[in-house]
Amino acid sequence: MDWQHLLTGVVTTVVGAALVLLIRLAAQWLSMHMTEAQRAHAKDLILTLVRAAEQSGLLKDGAAKKAWVLAQAQAQLAKAGIPLDLATLDTLIEATVGELNDEFWKCT
């Protein structure tokens, strides 16, 4: 039996389930505190910023990318008058990164 393959499958399943839970919790919080237009704007903004951080090539470290996305999102969401606390913003960033990683691995 190939233990590495089995372990990879288990870890992938657990991480996938955790991401689904995180996304649902973040979506639930958003639906309670924001309008539909604000939610859509926040999600689109975070997706755009995460992709920009990944593609820029300037930020090599994952923590540096996350810090940049967090700072940019905070500034732009505040400017747009969209209330989002740091913990929720952090969760949305992590969920977005997870979704993009899932998309990437499905394509390879």
N, C-alpha and C. Protein backbone atom coordinates (compact mmCIF):
# COMPACT_ATOMS: atom_id res chain seq x y z
N MET A 1 0.85 -1.19 0.00
CA MET A 1 0.00 0.00 0.00
C MET A 1 0.89 1.24 0.00
N ASP A 2 0.53 2.20 -0.78
CA ASP A 2 1.29 3.44 -0.90
C ASP A 2 0.79 4.44 0.14
N TRP A 3 1.51 4.52 1.27
CA TRP A 3 1.09 5.37 2.39
C TRP A 3 1.11 6.85 2.04
N GLN A 4 2.07 7.24 1.25
CA GLN A 4 2.16 8.64 0.87
C GLN A 4 0.94 9.07 0.05
N HIS A 5 0.51 8.24 -0.86
CA HIS A 5 -0.68 8.52 -1.67
C HIS A 5 -1.93 8.59 -0.78
N LEU A 6 -2.03 7.63 0.14
CA LEU A 6 -3.17 7.61 1.07
C LEU A 6 -3.18 8.85 1.95
N LEU A 7 -2.03 9.19 2.50
CA LEU A 7 -1.93 10.37 3.37
C LEU A 7 -2.24 11.65 2.60
N THR A 8 -1.76 11.75 1.38
CA THR A 8 -2.06 12.91 0.54
C THR A 8 -3.56 13.04 0.31
N GLY A 9 -4.21 11.94 0.06
CA GLY A 9 -5.66 11.94 -0.14
C GLY A 9 -6.41 12.39 1.10
N VAL A 10 -5.99 11.90 2.25
CA VAL A 10 -6.64 12.28 3.52
C VAL A 10 -6.44 13.76 3.80
N VAL A 11 -5.21 14.24 3.65
CA VAL A 11 -4.92 15.65 3.90
C VAL A 11 -5.70 16.54 2.95
N THR A 12 -5.75 16.18 1.69
CA THR A 12 -6.49 16.95 0.70
C THR A 12 -7.97 17.03 1.06
N THR A 13 -8.53 15.92 1.49
CA THR A 13 -9.94 15.88 1.89
C THR A 13 -10.20 16.75 3.10
N VAL A 14 -9.34 16.66 4.10
CA VAL A 14 -9.51 17.45 5.33
C VAL A 14 -9.37 18.93 5.03
N VAL A 15 -8.37 19.31 4.26
CA VAL A 15 -8.16 20.72 3.92
C VAL A 15 -9.34 21.24 3.09
N GLY A 16 -9.81 20.44 2.16
CA GLY A 16 -10.96 20.84 1.35
C GLY A 16 -12.20 21.06 2.21
N ALA A 17 -12.44 20.17 3.15
CA ALA A 17 -13.60 20.31 4.05
C ALA A 17 -13.45 21.55 4.93
N ALA A 18 -12.25 21.79 5.41
CA ALA A 18 -12.01 22.98 6.24
C ALA A 18 -12.25 24.25 5.43
N LEU A 19 -11.81 24.27 4.18
CA LEU A 19 -12.03 25.44 3.33
C LEU A 19 -13.51 25.68 3.07
N VAL A 20 -14.25 24.62 2.85
CA VAL A 20 -15.69 24.76 2.64
C VAL A 20 -16.33 25.37 3.87
N LEU A 21 -15.95 24.88 5.04
CA LEU A 21 -16.49 25.43 6.29
C LEU A 21 -16.12 26.89 6.46
N LEU A 22 -14.86 27.23 6.20
CA LEU A 22 -14.40 28.61 6.30
C LEU A 22 -15.17 29.52 5.35
N ILE A 23 -15.35 29.08 4.15
CA ILE A 23 -16.07 29.89 3.15
C ILE A 23 -17.52 30.09 3.58
N ARG A 24 -18.15 29.04 4.08
CA ARG A 24 -19.54 29.17 4.54
C ARG A 24 -19.65 30.13 5.71
N LEU A 25 -18.73 30.03 6.66
CA LEU A 25 -18.77 30.94 7.82
C LEU A 25 -18.56 32.39 7.39
N ALA A 26 -17.60 32.59 6.49
CA ALA A 26 -17.35 33.95 6.01
C ALA A 26 -18.55 34.48 5.24
N ALA A 27 -19.16 33.65 4.42
CA ALA A 27 -20.33 34.07 3.66
C ALA A 27 -21.49 34.39 4.58
N GLN A 28 -21.65 33.59 5.62
CA GLN A 28 -22.72 33.84 6.59
C GLN A 28 -22.50 35.17 7.30
N TRP A 29 -21.27 35.44 7.71
CA TRP A 29 -20.99 36.72 8.37
C TRP A 29 -21.25 37.87 7.41
N LEU A 30 -20.80 37.73 6.20
CA LEU A 30 -20.98 38.78 5.21
C LEU A 30 -22.46 39.06 4.96
N SER A 31 -23.25 37.99 4.87
CA SER A 31 -24.67 38.19 4.59
C SER A 31 -25.39 38.92 5.72
N MET A 32 -24.86 38.82 6.92
CA MET A 32 -25.48 39.49 8.07
C MET A 32 -25.08 40.96 8.16
N HIS A 33 -23.95 41.34 7.61
CA HIS A 33 -23.41 42.68 7.84
C HIS A 33 -23.26 43.55 6.59
N MET A 34 -23.52 43.00 5.44
CA MET A 34 -23.28 43.76 4.22
C MET A 34 -24.41 43.55 3.22
N THR A 35 -24.57 44.52 2.33
CA THR A 35 -25.53 44.36 1.25
C THR A 35 -24.94 43.42 0.19
N GLU A 36 -25.78 42.95 -0.70
CA GLU A 36 -25.32 42.06 -1.77
C GLU A 36 -24.25 42.73 -2.63
N ALA A 37 -24.45 44.00 -2.95
CA ALA A 37 -23.47 44.73 -3.76
C ALA A 37 -22.14 44.87 -3.03
N GLN A 38 -22.19 45.12 -1.73
CA GLN A 38 -20.96 45.25 -0.95
C GLN A 38 -20.23 43.91 -0.88
N ARG A 39 -20.98 42.82 -0.70
CA ARG A 39 -20.37 41.49 -0.65
C ARG A 39 -19.68 41.17 -1.98
N ALA A 40 -20.38 41.44 -3.06
CA ALA A 40 -19.81 41.15 -4.38
C ALA A 40 -18.55 41.98 -4.62
N HIS A 41 -18.60 43.25 -4.23
CA HIS A 41 -17.44 44.12 -4.41
C HIS A 41 -16.26 43.62 -3.58
N ALA A 42 -16.51 43.25 -2.32
CA ALA A 42 -15.44 42.76 -1.44
C ALA A 42 -14.83 41.48 -1.99
N LYS A 43 -15.65 40.54 -2.42
CA LYS A 43 -15.14 39.27 -2.96
C LYS A 43 -14.32 39.50 -4.23
N ASP A 44 -14.84 40.33 -5.13
CA ASP A 44 -14.12 40.63 -6.37
C ASP A 44 -12.79 41.32 -6.08
N LEU A 45 -12.82 42.26 -5.16
CA LEU A 45 -11.60 43.00 -4.81
C LEU A 45 -10.55 42.05 -4.25
N ILE A 46 -10.95 41.21 -3.32
CA ILE A 46 -9.99 40.28 -2.70
C ILE A 46 -9.44 39.30 -3.73
N LEU A 47 -10.29 38.80 -4.60
CA LEU A 47 -9.82 37.90 -5.66
C LEU A 47 -8.80 38.60 -6.56
N THR A 48 -9.09 39.83 -6.94
CA THR A 48 -8.19 40.61 -7.79
C THR A 48 -6.85 40.84 -7.09
N LEU A 49 -6.91 41.20 -5.81
CA LEU A 49 -5.68 41.48 -5.06
C LEU A 49 -4.84 40.22 -4.86
N VAL A 50 -5.49 39.10 -4.56
CA VAL A 50 -4.76 37.85 -4.37
C VAL A 50 -4.07 37.45 -5.68
N ARG A 51 -4.79 37.56 -6.78
CA ARG A 51 -4.18 37.23 -8.08
C ARG A 51 -3.02 38.17 -8.39
N ALA A 52 -3.19 39.45 -8.10
CA ALA A 52 -2.12 40.42 -8.35
C ALA A 52 -0.89 40.09 -7.52
N ALA A 53 -1.09 39.74 -6.27
CA ALA A 53 0.04 39.39 -5.40
C ALA A 53 0.76 38.15 -5.92
N GLU A 54 0.00 37.18 -6.40
CA GLU A 54 0.60 35.94 -6.93
C GLU A 54 1.37 36.20 -8.22
N GLN A 55 0.84 37.06 -9.06
CA GLN A 55 1.43 37.26 -10.39
C GLN A 55 2.49 38.34 -10.45
N SER A 56 2.58 39.16 -9.42
CA SER A 56 3.50 40.30 -9.48
C SER A 56 4.96 39.87 -9.57
N GLY A 57 5.29 38.79 -8.90
CA GLY A 57 6.68 38.36 -8.89
C GLY A 57 7.55 39.17 -7.95
N LEU A 58 7.02 40.26 -7.42
CA LEU A 58 7.79 41.10 -6.51
C LEU A 58 7.79 40.54 -5.09
N LEU A 59 6.70 39.90 -4.73
CA LEU A 59 6.55 39.36 -3.39
C LEU A 59 6.75 37.84 -3.45
N LYS A 60 7.85 37.37 -2.94
CA LYS A 60 8.17 35.95 -3.02
C LYS A 60 7.59 35.16 -1.85
N ASP A 61 7.54 35.77 -0.70
CA ASP A 61 7.12 35.12 0.53
C ASP A 61 5.60 35.17 0.68
N GLY A 62 4.99 34.05 1.07
CA GLY A 62 3.55 33.99 1.26
C GLY A 62 3.05 34.99 2.28
N ALA A 63 3.80 35.17 3.36
CA ALA A 63 3.40 36.12 4.41
C ALA A 63 3.44 37.55 3.89
N ALA A 64 4.42 37.87 3.05
CA ALA A 64 4.51 39.21 2.47
C ALA A 64 3.35 39.46 1.51
N LYS A 65 2.99 38.43 0.73
CA LYS A 65 1.85 38.57 -0.18
C LYS A 65 0.57 38.82 0.60
N LYS A 66 0.39 38.04 1.66
CA LYS A 66 -0.82 38.18 2.46
C LYS A 66 -0.88 39.56 3.12
N ALA A 67 0.22 40.03 3.64
CA ALA A 67 0.26 41.35 4.26
C ALA A 67 -0.07 42.44 3.25
N TRP A 68 0.45 42.30 2.04
CA TRP A 68 0.15 43.28 0.99
C TRP A 68 -1.33 43.27 0.63
N VAL A 69 -1.89 42.06 0.44
CA VAL A 69 -3.30 41.94 0.10
C VAL A 69 -4.16 42.51 1.23
N LEU A 70 -3.81 42.20 2.46
CA LEU A 70 -4.55 42.69 3.62
C LEU A 70 -4.55 44.22 3.67
N ALA A 71 -3.38 44.82 3.49
CA ALA A 71 -3.27 46.28 3.53
C ALA A 71 -4.05 46.94 2.40
N GLN A 72 -3.91 46.39 1.19
CA GLN A 72 -4.62 46.95 0.04
C GLN A 72 -6.13 46.82 0.20
N ALA A 73 -6.57 45.64 0.64
CA ALA A 73 -8.01 45.41 0.80
C ALA A 73 -8.59 46.32 1.87
N GLN A 74 -7.89 46.44 3.00
CA GLN A 74 -8.37 47.34 4.07
C GLN A 74 -8.56 48.75 3.54
N ALA A 75 -7.55 49.26 2.85
CA ALA A 75 -7.60 50.63 2.34
C ALA A 75 -8.73 50.82 1.34
N GLN A 76 -8.84 49.89 0.40
CA GLN A 76 -9.85 50.04 -0.65
C GLN A 76 -11.27 49.81 -0.14
N LEU A 77 -11.44 48.87 0.78
CA LEU A 77 -12.77 48.63 1.33
C LEU A 77 -13.20 49.79 2.22
N ALA A 78 -12.28 50.35 2.99
CA ALA A 78 -12.60 51.50 3.83
C ALA A 78 -13.00 52.69 2.95
N LYS A 79 -12.27 52.87 1.86
CA LYS A 79 -12.57 53.95 0.92
C LYS A 79 -13.97 53.80 0.32
N ALA A 80 -14.37 52.54 0.11
CA ALA A 80 -15.69 52.26 -0.47
C ALA A 80 -16.79 52.23 0.60
N GLY A 81 -16.39 52.39 1.88
CA GLY A 81 -17.37 52.38 2.96
C GLY A 81 -17.92 51.00 3.28
N ILE A 82 -17.11 49.98 3.05
CA ILE A 82 -17.55 48.61 3.31
C ILE A 82 -16.93 48.14 4.62
N PRO A 83 -17.79 47.85 5.62
CA PRO A 83 -17.29 47.45 6.93
C PRO A 83 -16.82 46.00 6.93
N LEU A 84 -15.55 45.80 7.20
CA LEU A 84 -15.00 44.45 7.25
C LEU A 84 -13.88 44.42 8.28
N ASP A 85 -14.04 43.64 9.33
CA ASP A 85 -13.00 43.57 10.35
C ASP A 85 -11.84 42.71 9.87
N LEU A 86 -10.70 42.84 10.56
CA LEU A 86 -9.48 42.14 10.13
C LEU A 86 -9.63 40.63 10.12
N ALA A 87 -10.29 40.09 11.12
CA ALA A 87 -10.43 38.63 11.19
C ALA A 87 -11.23 38.10 10.00
N THR A 88 -12.30 38.77 9.65
CA THR A 88 -13.12 38.33 8.52
C THR A 88 -12.36 38.53 7.21
N LEU A 89 -11.67 39.64 7.10
CA LEU A 89 -10.87 39.90 5.91
C LEU A 89 -9.80 38.83 5.75
N ASP A 90 -9.15 38.48 6.84
CA ASP A 90 -8.14 37.44 6.82
C ASP A 90 -8.74 36.11 6.37
N THR A 91 -9.91 35.78 6.88
CA THR A 91 -10.59 34.54 6.50
C THR A 91 -10.94 34.54 5.02
N LEU A 92 -11.42 35.67 4.52
CA LEU A 92 -11.76 35.76 3.10
C LEU A 92 -10.53 35.62 2.21
N ILE A 93 -9.43 36.20 2.64
CA ILE A 93 -8.19 36.07 1.87
C ILE A 93 -7.75 34.61 1.83
N GLU A 94 -7.75 33.95 2.98
CA GLU A 94 -7.35 32.55 3.03
C GLU A 94 -8.27 31.67 2.19
N ALA A 95 -9.57 31.94 2.26
CA ALA A 95 -10.53 31.18 1.46
C ALA A 95 -10.29 31.39 -0.03
N THR A 96 -10.00 32.62 -0.42
CA THR A 96 -9.74 32.92 -1.82
C THR A 96 -8.47 32.21 -2.30
N VAL A 97 -7.43 32.24 -1.49
CA VAL A 97 -6.19 31.54 -1.84
C VAL A 97 -6.48 30.04 -1.97
N GLY A 98 -7.26 29.50 -1.05
CA GLY A 98 -7.61 28.08 -1.13
C GLY A 98 -8.38 27.74 -2.39
N GLU A 99 -9.33 28.58 -2.76
CA GLU A 99 -10.10 28.36 -3.99
C GLU A 99 -9.20 28.41 -5.22
N LEU A 100 -8.29 29.37 -5.25
CA LEU A 100 -7.38 29.48 -6.39
C LEU A 100 -6.44 28.28 -6.46
N ASN A 101 -5.99 27.81 -5.31
CA ASN A 101 -5.13 26.62 -5.28
C ASN A 101 -5.89 25.40 -5.77
N ASP A 102 -7.15 25.27 -5.35
CA ASP A 102 -7.97 24.15 -5.82
C ASP A 102 -8.13 24.20 -7.33
N GLU A 103 -8.42 25.39 -7.86
CA GLU A 103 -8.56 25.55 -9.31
C GLU A 103 -7.28 25.15 -10.03
N PHE A 104 -6.15 25.60 -9.47
CA PHE A 104 -4.85 25.32 -10.09
C PHE A 104 -4.61 23.81 -10.14
N TRP A 105 -4.84 23.12 -9.03
CA TRP A 105 -4.55 21.69 -8.98
C TRP A 105 -5.52 20.87 -9.80
N LYS A 106 -6.73 21.37 -10.03
CA LYS A 106 -7.68 20.68 -10.90
C LYS A 106 -7.24 20.76 -12.36
N CYS A 107 -6.55 21.84 -12.69
CA CYS A 107 -6.11 22.04 -14.08
C CYS A 107 -4.83 21.29 -14.41
N THR A 108 -4.09 20.88 -13.39
CA THR A 108 -2.81 20.21 -13.67
C THR A 108 -2.94 18.72 -13.64
